Amino acid sequence: MKNSTFEKIFVTVGTTQFEELIEKVTESGVVNELRRMGCRKLSLQIGRGKDPVIAKEVFGSDIDVKFFDLKTNIEEDIQQADLVISHAGAGSCIEILGAEKPLVVVVNERLMDNHQAELAEQLFKEGYLLYCTPSTLSQTLAESDFNQLKKFPPGSVADFISYLDAFMGF
């Protein structure tokens, strides 16, 4: 994870609706931070949310933005990315960490009994990812050292499920 320039950034909300994340990542403050990080291609997987506003005055001509709702598999999108910004779903975390991509998890604070936040915090404490809320995304991107992230130990999905069960106390 020794990438200091993140030309291709992929944002995913999974199969859910997390418009707050999509709205935040298309606002000028976050876009300017992505630009500073070297972003030239931004791909947004918007799930069941509405189409985002892609303002030319925010993105200019130097960042190519595309978006899509759902597809069967986002493995190729993850593999092509230099950085992934994701919701905190366990499935998304498994797939992205398994692909050894730097990961920023954005926690949806509006969820009740938010076990996703607990999972994100634990994986952060162990050094595998960074996490934040939509309101702190720009600051997290500005202040983070992605070179400090550890690789998630190789293993099967079953190992990760066991890890989750232990973490959740099952």
N, C-alpha and C. Protein backbone atom coordinates (compact mmCIF):
# COMPACT_ATOMS: atom_id res chain seq x y z
N MET A 1 0.83 -1.18 0.00
CA MET A 1 0.00 0.00 0.00
C MET A 1 0.87 1.25 0.00
N LYS A 2 1.86 1.26 -0.85
CA LYS A 2 2.80 2.37 -0.86
C LYS A 2 2.51 3.33 -2.00
N ASN A 3 1.25 3.62 -2.22
CA ASN A 3 0.86 4.51 -3.28
C ASN A 3 0.68 5.91 -2.72
N SER A 4 1.45 6.86 -3.24
CA SER A 4 1.30 8.23 -2.75
C SER A 4 0.42 9.06 -3.65
N THR A 5 0.13 8.57 -4.85
CA THR A 5 -0.78 9.24 -5.77
C THR A 5 -1.94 8.30 -6.04
N PHE A 6 -3.12 8.84 -5.93
CA PHE A 6 -4.34 8.04 -6.09
C PHE A 6 -5.11 8.55 -7.30
N GLU A 7 -4.66 8.15 -8.49
CA GLU A 7 -5.28 8.63 -9.73
C GLU A 7 -6.70 8.10 -9.92
N LYS A 8 -6.90 6.85 -9.56
CA LYS A 8 -8.21 6.21 -9.75
C LYS A 8 -8.83 5.92 -8.39
N ILE A 9 -9.94 6.58 -8.12
CA ILE A 9 -10.61 6.40 -6.83
C ILE A 9 -12.00 5.85 -7.08
N PHE A 10 -12.32 4.80 -6.36
CA PHE A 10 -13.62 4.13 -6.47
C PHE A 10 -14.37 4.33 -5.16
N VAL A 11 -15.62 4.76 -5.27
CA VAL A 11 -16.49 4.96 -4.11
C VAL A 11 -17.66 3.99 -4.25
N THR A 12 -17.94 3.24 -3.18
CA THR A 12 -19.04 2.29 -3.22
C THR A 12 -19.93 2.39 -1.99
N VAL A 13 -21.23 2.28 -2.23
CA VAL A 13 -22.20 2.23 -1.13
C VAL A 13 -22.83 0.85 -1.05
N GLY A 14 -22.31 -0.11 -1.82
CA GLY A 14 -22.87 -1.46 -1.83
C GLY A 14 -24.26 -1.45 -2.45
N THR A 15 -25.11 -2.32 -1.98
CA THR A 15 -26.46 -2.43 -2.54
C THR A 15 -27.45 -1.53 -1.82
N THR A 16 -26.95 -0.72 -0.91
CA THR A 16 -27.81 0.11 -0.08
C THR A 16 -28.03 1.49 -0.70
N GLN A 17 -28.59 2.34 0.07
CA GLN A 17 -28.78 3.74 -0.30
C GLN A 17 -28.05 4.57 0.76
N PHE A 18 -26.99 5.22 0.36
CA PHE A 18 -26.19 6.05 1.27
C PHE A 18 -25.86 7.35 0.53
N GLU A 19 -26.92 8.10 0.23
CA GLU A 19 -26.78 9.31 -0.56
C GLU A 19 -25.91 10.35 0.11
N GLU A 20 -25.87 10.34 1.43
CA GLU A 20 -25.04 11.30 2.14
C GLU A 20 -23.56 11.14 1.76
N LEU A 21 -23.10 9.92 1.60
CA LEU A 21 -21.72 9.68 1.18
C LEU A 21 -21.51 10.18 -0.25
N ILE A 22 -22.41 9.84 -1.14
CA ILE A 22 -22.27 10.26 -2.54
C ILE A 22 -22.32 11.79 -2.64
N GLU A 23 -23.23 12.41 -1.92
CA GLU A 23 -23.31 13.88 -1.94
C GLU A 23 -22.02 14.50 -1.41
N LYS A 24 -21.48 13.94 -0.35
CA LYS A 24 -20.26 14.49 0.26
C LYS A 24 -19.06 14.35 -0.68
N VAL A 25 -18.93 13.20 -1.33
CA VAL A 25 -17.76 12.96 -2.17
C VAL A 25 -17.82 13.76 -3.47
N THR A 26 -18.97 14.36 -3.77
CA THR A 26 -19.09 15.20 -4.97
C THR A 26 -19.13 16.69 -4.63
N GLU A 27 -18.94 17.04 -3.36
CA GLU A 27 -18.87 18.44 -2.94
C GLU A 27 -17.45 18.97 -3.13
N SER A 28 -17.34 20.27 -3.30
CA SER A 28 -16.06 20.88 -3.64
C SER A 28 -14.96 20.60 -2.62
N GLY A 29 -15.26 20.60 -1.32
CA GLY A 29 -14.22 20.36 -0.33
C GLY A 29 -13.56 19.00 -0.48
N VAL A 30 -14.36 17.97 -0.64
CA VAL A 30 -13.80 16.61 -0.82
C VAL A 30 -13.16 16.49 -2.19
N VAL A 31 -13.80 17.01 -3.22
CA VAL A 31 -13.23 16.93 -4.57
C VAL A 31 -11.87 17.62 -4.62
N ASN A 32 -11.73 18.75 -3.97
CA ASN A 32 -10.43 19.43 -3.93
C ASN A 32 -9.38 18.58 -3.23
N GLU A 33 -9.79 17.87 -2.19
CA GLU A 33 -8.86 16.98 -1.49
C GLU A 33 -8.48 15.80 -2.39
N LEU A 34 -9.44 15.24 -3.10
CA LEU A 34 -9.16 14.14 -4.04
C LEU A 34 -8.20 14.62 -5.13
N ARG A 35 -8.44 15.82 -5.62
CA ARG A 35 -7.56 16.41 -6.64
C ARG A 35 -6.14 16.53 -6.09
N ARG A 36 -6.00 17.02 -4.86
CA ARG A 36 -4.69 17.15 -4.23
C ARG A 36 -3.97 15.81 -4.13
N MET A 37 -4.76 14.75 -3.93
CA MET A 37 -4.21 13.41 -3.80
C MET A 37 -3.84 12.80 -5.15
N GLY A 38 -4.18 13.50 -6.24
CA GLY A 38 -3.82 13.02 -7.58
C GLY A 38 -4.96 12.42 -8.36
N CYS A 39 -6.18 12.49 -7.86
CA CYS A 39 -7.32 11.87 -8.52
C CYS A 39 -7.53 12.45 -9.92
N ARG A 40 -7.66 11.55 -10.88
CA ARG A 40 -7.99 11.91 -12.26
C ARG A 40 -9.23 11.18 -12.75
N LYS A 41 -9.56 10.07 -12.07
CA LYS A 41 -10.75 9.29 -12.42
C LYS A 41 -11.48 8.93 -11.14
N LEU A 42 -12.75 9.31 -11.07
CA LEU A 42 -13.57 9.02 -9.90
C LEU A 42 -14.77 8.21 -10.37
N SER A 43 -14.90 7.02 -9.81
CA SER A 43 -16.01 6.13 -10.16
C SER A 43 -16.89 5.95 -8.93
N LEU A 44 -18.19 6.21 -9.08
CA LEU A 44 -19.13 6.15 -7.97
C LEU A 44 -20.14 5.03 -8.20
N GLN A 45 -20.21 4.10 -7.28
CA GLN A 45 -21.25 3.07 -7.29
C GLN A 45 -22.29 3.55 -6.30
N ILE A 46 -23.46 3.99 -6.81
CA ILE A 46 -24.44 4.71 -6.00
C ILE A 46 -25.52 3.82 -5.41
N GLY A 47 -25.49 2.53 -5.67
CA GLY A 47 -26.48 1.62 -5.10
C GLY A 47 -27.89 1.99 -5.50
N ARG A 48 -28.76 2.08 -4.52
CA ARG A 48 -30.16 2.38 -4.78
C ARG A 48 -30.48 3.88 -4.64
N GLY A 49 -29.43 4.68 -4.55
CA GLY A 49 -29.60 6.13 -4.39
C GLY A 49 -29.90 6.82 -5.71
N LYS A 50 -30.22 8.10 -5.61
CA LYS A 50 -30.50 8.90 -6.80
C LYS A 50 -29.20 9.28 -7.50
N ASP A 51 -29.31 9.62 -8.77
CA ASP A 51 -28.14 10.04 -9.54
C ASP A 51 -27.52 11.27 -8.90
N PRO A 52 -26.20 11.28 -8.77
CA PRO A 52 -25.54 12.43 -8.13
C PRO A 52 -25.46 13.64 -9.06
N VAL A 53 -25.29 14.79 -8.46
CA VAL A 53 -25.06 16.02 -9.22
C VAL A 53 -23.55 16.10 -9.48
N ILE A 54 -23.19 16.08 -10.73
CA ILE A 54 -21.79 16.17 -11.12
C ILE A 54 -21.58 17.57 -11.69
N ALA A 55 -21.20 18.50 -10.84
CA ALA A 55 -21.08 19.90 -11.23
C ALA A 55 -19.74 20.15 -11.92
N LYS A 56 -19.80 20.65 -13.14
CA LYS A 56 -18.59 20.94 -13.92
C LYS A 56 -17.68 21.93 -13.18
N GLU A 57 -18.28 22.89 -12.48
CA GLU A 57 -17.46 23.87 -11.77
C GLU A 57 -16.73 23.25 -10.58
N VAL A 58 -17.19 22.11 -10.09
CA VAL A 58 -16.53 21.43 -8.98
C VAL A 58 -15.44 20.50 -9.51
N PHE A 59 -15.75 19.73 -10.55
CA PHE A 59 -14.81 18.72 -11.05
C PHE A 59 -13.86 19.26 -12.11
N GLY A 60 -14.25 20.33 -12.78
CA GLY A 60 -13.41 20.87 -13.84
C GLY A 60 -13.21 19.86 -14.95
N SER A 61 -12.13 20.03 -15.69
CA SER A 61 -11.86 19.11 -16.79
C SER A 61 -10.77 18.10 -16.43
N ASP A 62 -10.26 18.20 -15.20
CA ASP A 62 -9.14 17.33 -14.83
C ASP A 62 -9.56 16.05 -14.12
N ILE A 63 -10.82 15.94 -13.68
CA ILE A 63 -11.28 14.71 -13.04
C ILE A 63 -12.45 14.15 -13.85
N ASP A 64 -12.26 12.95 -14.37
CA ASP A 64 -13.29 12.26 -15.11
C ASP A 64 -14.17 11.50 -14.10
N VAL A 65 -15.48 11.80 -14.11
CA VAL A 65 -16.39 11.20 -13.15
C VAL A 65 -17.41 10.33 -13.89
N LYS A 66 -17.61 9.13 -13.35
CA LYS A 66 -18.68 8.28 -13.87
C LYS A 66 -19.39 7.66 -12.68
N PHE A 67 -20.62 7.23 -12.90
CA PHE A 67 -21.35 6.57 -11.83
C PHE A 67 -22.26 5.50 -12.40
N PHE A 68 -22.58 4.55 -11.54
CA PHE A 68 -23.51 3.48 -11.88
C PHE A 68 -24.23 3.05 -10.62
N ASP A 69 -25.37 2.38 -10.78
CA ASP A 69 -26.13 1.98 -9.59
C ASP A 69 -25.66 0.63 -9.08
N LEU A 70 -26.03 -0.43 -9.70
CA LEU A 70 -25.67 -1.77 -9.24
C LEU A 70 -25.15 -2.60 -10.40
N LYS A 71 -24.28 -3.50 -10.10
CA LYS A 71 -23.86 -4.51 -11.06
C LYS A 71 -23.55 -5.78 -10.29
N THR A 72 -23.50 -6.87 -11.00
CA THR A 72 -23.32 -8.16 -10.37
C THR A 72 -22.05 -8.25 -9.54
N ASN A 73 -20.99 -7.62 -10.04
CA ASN A 73 -19.70 -7.77 -9.39
C ASN A 73 -18.91 -6.46 -9.54
N ILE A 74 -18.35 -5.98 -8.45
CA ILE A 74 -17.53 -4.76 -8.52
C ILE A 74 -16.04 -5.07 -8.32
N GLU A 75 -15.68 -6.33 -8.44
CA GLU A 75 -14.29 -6.74 -8.24
C GLU A 75 -13.35 -5.99 -9.18
N GLU A 76 -13.73 -5.85 -10.45
CA GLU A 76 -12.88 -5.15 -11.41
C GLU A 76 -12.70 -3.68 -11.03
N ASP A 77 -13.78 -3.04 -10.55
CA ASP A 77 -13.71 -1.64 -10.13
C ASP A 77 -12.73 -1.50 -8.96
N ILE A 78 -12.79 -2.43 -8.03
CA ILE A 78 -11.89 -2.41 -6.88
C ILE A 78 -10.46 -2.62 -7.33
N GLN A 79 -10.24 -3.61 -8.19
CA GLN A 79 -8.88 -3.92 -8.67
C GLN A 79 -8.25 -2.75 -9.40
N GLN A 80 -9.05 -2.00 -10.16
CA GLN A 80 -8.52 -0.89 -10.95
C GLN A 80 -8.25 0.35 -10.10
N ALA A 81 -8.82 0.41 -8.90
CA ALA A 81 -8.70 1.60 -8.05
C ALA A 81 -7.36 1.66 -7.33
N ASP A 82 -6.89 2.89 -7.14
CA ASP A 82 -5.72 3.13 -6.31
C ASP A 82 -6.13 3.35 -4.86
N LEU A 83 -7.39 3.74 -4.66
CA LEU A 83 -7.95 3.99 -3.34
C LEU A 83 -9.44 3.71 -3.42
N VAL A 84 -9.99 3.10 -2.37
CA VAL A 84 -11.43 2.85 -2.31
C VAL A 84 -11.99 3.57 -1.09
N ILE A 85 -13.11 4.25 -1.32
CA ILE A 85 -13.89 4.87 -0.25
C ILE A 85 -15.20 4.11 -0.23
N SER A 86 -15.55 3.53 0.93
CA SER A 86 -16.68 2.61 0.98
C SER A 86 -17.57 2.85 2.19
N HIS A 87 -18.81 2.39 2.07
CA HIS A 87 -19.66 2.29 3.26
C HIS A 87 -19.06 1.21 4.14
N ALA A 88 -19.60 1.01 5.32
CA ALA A 88 -18.98 0.11 6.30
C ALA A 88 -19.57 -1.29 6.29
N GLY A 89 -20.16 -1.70 5.20
CA GLY A 89 -20.71 -3.06 5.12
C GLY A 89 -19.61 -4.10 5.20
N ALA A 90 -19.86 -5.17 5.94
CA ALA A 90 -18.84 -6.21 6.13
C ALA A 90 -18.43 -6.83 4.81
N GLY A 91 -19.38 -7.07 3.91
CA GLY A 91 -19.05 -7.67 2.62
C GLY A 91 -18.11 -6.80 1.81
N SER A 92 -18.39 -5.51 1.79
CA SER A 92 -17.52 -4.59 1.05
C SER A 92 -16.13 -4.54 1.69
N CYS A 93 -16.08 -4.48 3.01
CA CYS A 93 -14.78 -4.47 3.69
C CYS A 93 -13.98 -5.72 3.36
N ILE A 94 -14.61 -6.88 3.38
CA ILE A 94 -13.92 -8.13 3.06
C ILE A 94 -13.31 -8.07 1.67
N GLU A 95 -14.13 -7.68 0.71
CA GLU A 95 -13.68 -7.67 -0.68
C GLU A 95 -12.54 -6.68 -0.90
N ILE A 96 -12.64 -5.51 -0.35
CA ILE A 96 -11.64 -4.47 -0.57
C ILE A 96 -10.34 -4.78 0.17
N LEU A 97 -10.44 -5.19 1.42
CA LEU A 97 -9.23 -5.55 2.17
C LEU A 97 -8.54 -6.76 1.54
N GLY A 98 -9.35 -7.71 1.04
CA GLY A 98 -8.78 -8.88 0.36
C GLY A 98 -8.04 -8.51 -0.91
N ALA A 99 -8.45 -7.43 -1.55
CA ALA A 99 -7.78 -6.96 -2.76
C ALA A 99 -6.55 -6.10 -2.45
N GLU A 100 -6.28 -5.90 -1.16
CA GLU A 100 -5.12 -5.15 -0.69
C GLU A 100 -5.12 -3.72 -1.21
N LYS A 101 -6.29 -3.10 -1.20
CA LYS A 101 -6.42 -1.71 -1.61
C LYS A 101 -6.53 -0.83 -0.37
N PRO A 102 -5.93 0.36 -0.39
CA PRO A 102 -6.13 1.29 0.72
C PRO A 102 -7.62 1.61 0.81
N LEU A 103 -8.13 1.65 2.02
CA LEU A 103 -9.57 1.75 2.23
C LEU A 103 -9.89 2.81 3.26
N VAL A 104 -10.84 3.68 2.88
CA VAL A 104 -11.44 4.62 3.82
C VAL A 104 -12.90 4.21 3.94
N VAL A 105 -13.30 3.83 5.13
CA VAL A 105 -14.69 3.44 5.39
C VAL A 105 -15.43 4.64 5.96
N VAL A 106 -16.57 4.94 5.36
CA VAL A 106 -17.40 6.05 5.81
C VAL A 106 -18.63 5.46 6.47
N VAL A 107 -18.78 5.73 7.75
CA VAL A 107 -19.84 5.16 8.56
C VAL A 107 -21.12 5.97 8.39
N ASN A 108 -22.20 5.26 8.16
CA ASN A 108 -23.52 5.88 8.06
C ASN A 108 -24.07 6.04 9.47
N GLU A 109 -24.02 7.23 9.98
CA GLU A 109 -24.45 7.50 11.36
C GLU A 109 -25.96 7.37 11.55
N ARG A 110 -26.70 7.28 10.47
CA ARG A 110 -28.16 7.22 10.57
C ARG A 110 -28.69 5.81 10.80
N LEU A 111 -27.82 4.83 10.77
CA LEU A 111 -28.26 3.45 10.99
C LEU A 111 -28.47 3.20 12.47
N MET A 112 -29.54 2.49 12.78
CA MET A 112 -29.80 2.10 14.16
C MET A 112 -28.91 0.91 14.52
N ASP A 113 -28.53 0.77 15.79
CA ASP A 113 -27.69 -0.34 16.24
C ASP A 113 -26.53 -0.54 15.25
N ASN A 114 -25.72 0.46 15.13
CA ASN A 114 -24.73 0.52 14.06
C ASN A 114 -23.51 -0.37 14.33
N HIS A 115 -23.66 -1.65 14.04
CA HIS A 115 -22.54 -2.59 14.19
C HIS A 115 -21.47 -2.30 13.14
N GLN A 116 -21.87 -1.66 12.02
CA GLN A 116 -20.88 -1.30 11.02
C GLN A 116 -19.84 -0.35 11.59
N ALA A 117 -20.29 0.58 12.41
CA ALA A 117 -19.36 1.53 13.03
C ALA A 117 -18.39 0.79 13.94
N GLU A 118 -18.90 -0.17 14.69
CA GLU A 118 -18.04 -0.96 15.59
C GLU A 118 -17.00 -1.74 14.80
N LEU A 119 -17.43 -2.34 13.68
CA LEU A 119 -16.50 -3.10 12.84
C LEU A 119 -15.44 -2.17 12.26
N ALA A 120 -15.86 -1.03 11.73
CA ALA A 120 -14.91 -0.08 11.16
C ALA A 120 -13.90 0.40 12.20
N GLU A 121 -14.37 0.69 13.39
CA GLU A 121 -13.49 1.16 14.45
C GLU A 121 -12.47 0.09 14.82
N GLN A 122 -12.92 -1.16 14.92
CA GLN A 122 -12.00 -2.24 15.28
C GLN A 122 -10.95 -2.46 14.20
N LEU A 123 -11.38 -2.47 12.93
CA LEU A 123 -10.42 -2.65 11.83
C LEU A 123 -9.46 -1.47 11.73
N PHE A 124 -9.92 -0.29 12.11
CA PHE A 124 -9.05 0.89 12.19
C PHE A 124 -8.01 0.70 13.30
N LYS A 125 -8.47 0.29 14.48
CA LYS A 125 -7.55 0.09 15.61
C LYS A 125 -6.47 -0.93 15.27
N GLU A 126 -6.83 -1.91 14.45
CA GLU A 126 -5.86 -2.93 14.07
C GLU A 126 -4.98 -2.49 12.90
N GLY A 127 -5.26 -1.31 12.35
CA GLY A 127 -4.39 -0.74 11.33
C GLY A 127 -4.68 -1.11 9.90
N TYR A 128 -5.87 -1.67 9.62
CA TYR A 128 -6.17 -2.13 8.27
C TYR A 128 -6.84 -1.10 7.39
N LEU A 129 -7.50 -0.10 7.98
CA LEU A 129 -8.24 0.88 7.20
C LEU A 129 -8.35 2.17 7.98
N LEU A 130 -8.86 3.17 7.31
CA LEU A 130 -9.19 4.44 7.94
C LEU A 130 -10.71 4.54 7.96
N TYR A 131 -11.24 5.23 8.95
CA TYR A 131 -12.69 5.40 8.94
C TYR A 131 -13.07 6.78 9.41
N CYS A 132 -14.27 7.19 8.99
CA CYS A 132 -14.75 8.53 9.31
C CYS A 132 -16.27 8.55 9.10
N THR A 133 -16.83 9.71 9.22
CA THR A 133 -18.24 9.93 8.90
C THR A 133 -18.26 10.83 7.66
N PRO A 134 -19.42 10.98 7.03
CA PRO A 134 -19.45 11.88 5.87
C PRO A 134 -18.93 13.27 6.19
N SER A 135 -19.26 13.79 7.35
CA SER A 135 -18.86 15.16 7.68
C SER A 135 -17.36 15.30 7.92
N THR A 136 -16.66 14.20 8.20
CA THR A 136 -15.21 14.29 8.44
C THR A 136 -14.38 13.67 7.31
N LEU A 137 -15.02 13.34 6.19
CA LEU A 137 -14.31 12.68 5.08
C LEU A 137 -13.16 13.54 4.56
N SER A 138 -13.42 14.80 4.28
CA SER A 138 -12.37 15.67 3.73
C SER A 138 -11.18 15.75 4.68
N GLN A 139 -11.44 15.94 5.96
CA GLN A 139 -10.37 16.02 6.96
C GLN A 139 -9.60 14.71 7.05
N THR A 140 -10.31 13.59 7.02
CA THR A 140 -9.66 12.28 7.08
C THR A 140 -8.73 12.09 5.89
N LEU A 141 -9.19 12.45 4.70
CA LEU A 141 -8.35 12.32 3.51
C LEU A 141 -7.12 13.22 3.61
N ALA A 142 -7.31 14.43 4.13
CA ALA A 142 -6.22 15.40 4.22
C ALA A 142 -5.15 14.98 5.22
N GLU A 143 -5.56 14.33 6.31
CA GLU A 143 -4.64 14.06 7.41
C GLU A 143 -4.09 12.64 7.44
N SER A 144 -4.51 11.80 6.55
CA SER A 144 -4.16 10.38 6.64
C SER A 144 -2.88 10.03 5.91
N ASP A 145 -2.17 9.08 6.50
CA ASP A 145 -0.98 8.50 5.89
C ASP A 145 -1.33 7.07 5.49
N PHE A 146 -1.64 6.89 4.24
CA PHE A 146 -2.07 5.58 3.76
C PHE A 146 -0.94 4.56 3.78
N ASN A 147 0.30 5.04 3.82
CA ASN A 147 1.44 4.13 3.87
C ASN A 147 1.52 3.38 5.20
N GLN A 148 0.80 3.85 6.21
CA GLN A 148 0.81 3.20 7.52
C GLN A 148 -0.17 2.03 7.62
N LEU A 149 -1.05 1.87 6.62
CA LEU A 149 -2.03 0.78 6.69
C LEU A 149 -1.36 -0.57 6.52
N LYS A 150 -1.83 -1.53 7.29
CA LYS A 150 -1.32 -2.90 7.21
C LYS A 150 -2.15 -3.69 6.20
N LYS A 151 -1.52 -4.69 5.63
CA LYS A 151 -2.26 -5.62 4.76
C LYS A 151 -3.11 -6.52 5.63
N PHE A 152 -4.33 -6.75 5.17
CA PHE A 152 -5.20 -7.67 5.89
C PHE A 152 -4.67 -9.08 5.67
N PRO A 153 -4.60 -9.90 6.73
CA PRO A 153 -4.03 -11.24 6.59
C PRO A 153 -4.78 -12.05 5.53
N PRO A 154 -4.04 -12.72 4.68
CA PRO A 154 -4.71 -13.54 3.67
C PRO A 154 -5.52 -14.64 4.33
N GLY A 155 -6.60 -14.99 3.71
CA GLY A 155 -7.45 -16.04 4.25
C GLY A 155 -8.76 -16.09 3.51
N SER A 156 -9.57 -17.00 3.90
CA SER A 156 -10.84 -17.18 3.21
C SER A 156 -11.92 -16.29 3.83
N VAL A 157 -13.02 -16.24 3.15
CA VAL A 157 -14.18 -15.53 3.67
C VAL A 157 -14.61 -16.15 5.00
N ALA A 158 -14.48 -17.45 5.12
CA ALA A 158 -14.86 -18.14 6.36
C ALA A 158 -14.03 -17.63 7.54
N ASP A 159 -12.74 -17.37 7.31
CA ASP A 159 -11.90 -16.82 8.37
C ASP A 159 -12.39 -15.44 8.80
N PHE A 160 -12.79 -14.63 7.81
CA PHE A 160 -13.28 -13.30 8.15
C PHE A 160 -14.61 -13.38 8.89
N ILE A 161 -15.46 -14.31 8.50
CA ILE A 161 -16.74 -14.50 9.19
C ILE A 161 -16.49 -14.93 10.63
N SER A 162 -15.53 -15.80 10.85
CA SER A 162 -15.17 -16.20 12.21
C SER A 162 -14.66 -15.00 12.99
N TYR A 163 -13.86 -14.17 12.34
CA TYR A 163 -13.35 -12.94 12.96
C TYR A 163 -14.52 -12.05 13.37
N LEU A 164 -15.48 -11.87 12.45
CA LEU A 164 -16.66 -11.05 12.74
C LEU A 164 -17.47 -11.63 13.90
N ASP A 165 -17.67 -12.94 13.87
CA ASP A 165 -18.44 -13.58 14.95
C ASP A 165 -17.76 -13.36 16.30
N ALA A 166 -16.45 -13.51 16.34
CA ALA A 166 -15.72 -13.30 17.59
C ALA A 166 -15.82 -11.84 18.02
N PHE A 167 -15.68 -10.95 17.05
CA PHE A 167 -15.76 -9.53 17.35
C PHE A 167 -17.13 -9.17 17.91
N MET A 168 -18.19 -9.73 17.33
CA MET A 168 -19.55 -9.41 17.75
C MET A 168 -19.98 -10.21 18.99
N GLY A 169 -19.14 -11.14 19.42
CA GLY A 169 -19.44 -11.90 20.63
C GLY A 169 -20.36 -13.08 20.42
N PHE A 170 -20.37 -13.61 19.19
CA PHE A 170 -21.24 -14.79 18.92
C PHE A 170 -20.51 -16.08 19.17
